[in-house]
Amino acid sequence: MNQPFIKAGISACLLSLVLSGCVDNDYDLSNIDTTTEIKVKDLVLPVNIQAVTLNDIIDVDQDSKIKTVEIDGKEFYAVTESGSITSDGITVDGFTAPAPTVNTAYARYRLDTPATRGVTLENYYELSSFSAQTVEFRAENIDSSIKSLSSIGMQPLHIDLTMTTNGFGDETVISFPVLELQFLKGLTFESLPAGYQYNASTGVLKIENLPCPNHKAEINLVATAIDFTASGTDIAGNSLDFKSEVKPISGRVKTVSTFETGTTPSVLNEIEFIVITTAEAMTATYVTGDIEYHLEGDGLNINPVDLSDIPDFLNESGTDLRLANPQIYLNLSNPVAADGLYYQTGLELGAVRNGSIKYYELDNDGVVRVEKTSAGPFNFVLSPSMPTEPLKDYATGLKHVPFTGLSDVLSGEGLPSSIEINLINPELPSQHMEHFELNKTIPGVTGSYEFFAPLALKDGSVIIYSDRIDGWNDEDVDKIIIETLEIEADVTSTIPLGAKLTAWPIDKVGHRIGDVHIEGADIEALAKGKHINIRATGEIRHLDGITFDAVVRPGSEETLSPNQTISLENIKAKVSGSYTTDF
């Protein structure tokens, strides 16, 4: 640095020495101390530099989780993370009950009203005794998401019943004018032949004019659904045991025998029928009942928010970072809306510090519930309060879910290394389902999320931001032993918080000069051109410049913004001390 005024003063001193007398050229001056010390008072160093700006309070990398966000023309800093959410497809497995093994039964009919007409003999028999058959369908390993069943649809289930007697010859024709059977309850049939009536509640099957060709009556039915409420059947564990009886309960048998004139055929007092019932396997295709289905899939695992690249100033001792109404946005579809079902999920955030995690959950064990009104998408914001300016991509139909603790996720001594975002028990909670198709894969839940957390600071926090001015040192400045260094400047601050500004002298290698007492200056919030003085006293050698420290102590949870700056103008540096040189 060129210091002409210092050199001029030194030259004047030298001239006065020369003019004070003559010097004997033969005189040995080698032992004369030519060192001269000149007192310096309030010497102004010509710091001819432009205005110094302490830059933005936060200087973030492009890849940092802290981003500059602009909403409606306002810029501020926020921790951000976004991504997609997907679950595996939703499938409820079908189940099959093997074909039952049914015991053989017997039905006996007693002669009631014999009658003879010409060459025919017509008799009627009434049911006198019978034995029952047990028909049992048992299904194991039913999908655990099916919690109860009121009915099922199934592949066509063929149920056949035959009643056969061997007590008559070919001359006798047998029929059932009316036959009532106790049959399986709750069945829905594909169709019923003429003359058939079935009561699903009681299971009674009434048939009129049932023929018995070759002395064998056949009943062939095809069922497509079962209502289990009629029989009181439900799931026990993961098993279904549907049991019912099949038996004749009333009816008549008519026999008509043809004989030749002059002969009288014998008449049986009792007819015995062998009753055989067979059924195929029962394979369910849809269910009505209660479902509880847990959503799964790697796509439900949200990546942690890595905070390892947070700017250093936020890790200053004493800094307590608070999120200013942080928001987690969710955009979710409902793939089971067409089935009249909804789903829900809880959510927690975990602050990871030194291997331990502190969790924060939705208020009052709350959940995000995706309604069954449509396939969506549905938008949610999880935050302490409903934001006045929500993110535009999520604003339509936005529903607020209270999450008060979210503000404190970053709070504590030192920042967490990461933030975990976990969905808690995403599921179709227990609810009624109608005709829910089995073995069908419904596309999984899809959606997106955005963690959006404007930064603010808790009361008592500290931000320290530093900058430097150097390059002052030259041959002359290096000879000054400074006792007092006074910095004057005009300060303008756009920070809505007060700050303490100090300046430390630094030497030629950039180190702070120790054993110096610093008197800083207070800067009020939003200062405009305030004139300040900063004084450093002590022994300062080899001065090359100064470093500025702006210490901000928030008194409110004001959101931090990238345009918050502290700038210094009209900087002057005055030094007092002594200038020592050898003439």
Foldseek 3Di string as FASTA:
>chain_A
DDDVVVVVVVVVVVVVVPPPDDDDPVDDCPPPFQKDKDFAFFAWFPPPDFWFWLAFLFDADPPAQWDWDAFPRATFIWRKDKDKFWFFWDFFAWWWFFWWDKDKKKWKWFWDDWDDDDQKTKTKTKTDDMDKIKGKTKIADGGPQFDKFQKFFWDWKKKKKKWAFDPDDPQKWKWWQKWKKQAFAFWDFPDDDPQWDADNLRSIIMGGTFGQPVRMTMDITITGMGGCVSVVWMDDRRMTMRMDMIMIDITMMMMMGGHDPPDDDDDDRMIMIIMDMTMGMTITFFTWHKGKWFTHDPSQFDDWRFNQRGDPLCQPFFWFKWFDFWKKKKWKFALCLVQVFKWKWWKWKWFAAPNDTDIFTFPPSDIGIGGSPHRDGAMEIETQDDDPRDDPVRPPNYDYGYGNCPRRNQGDNGGGRIMGMHIHRTMRHIDTTDGGGHPDTGGIMIIMMMTITFIFTDFRRKGKRKDWDFQSDDPQQQQFFFFKKKKKWFKFWQAQFKKKKWKFWAAPVGHGDPPKDKDIDIDGHRDDRHIDMIMIGDTDHRTTIIMMIIMTGDPDRDGGGRVTIMMIGPMIMTTTGMGMDRD
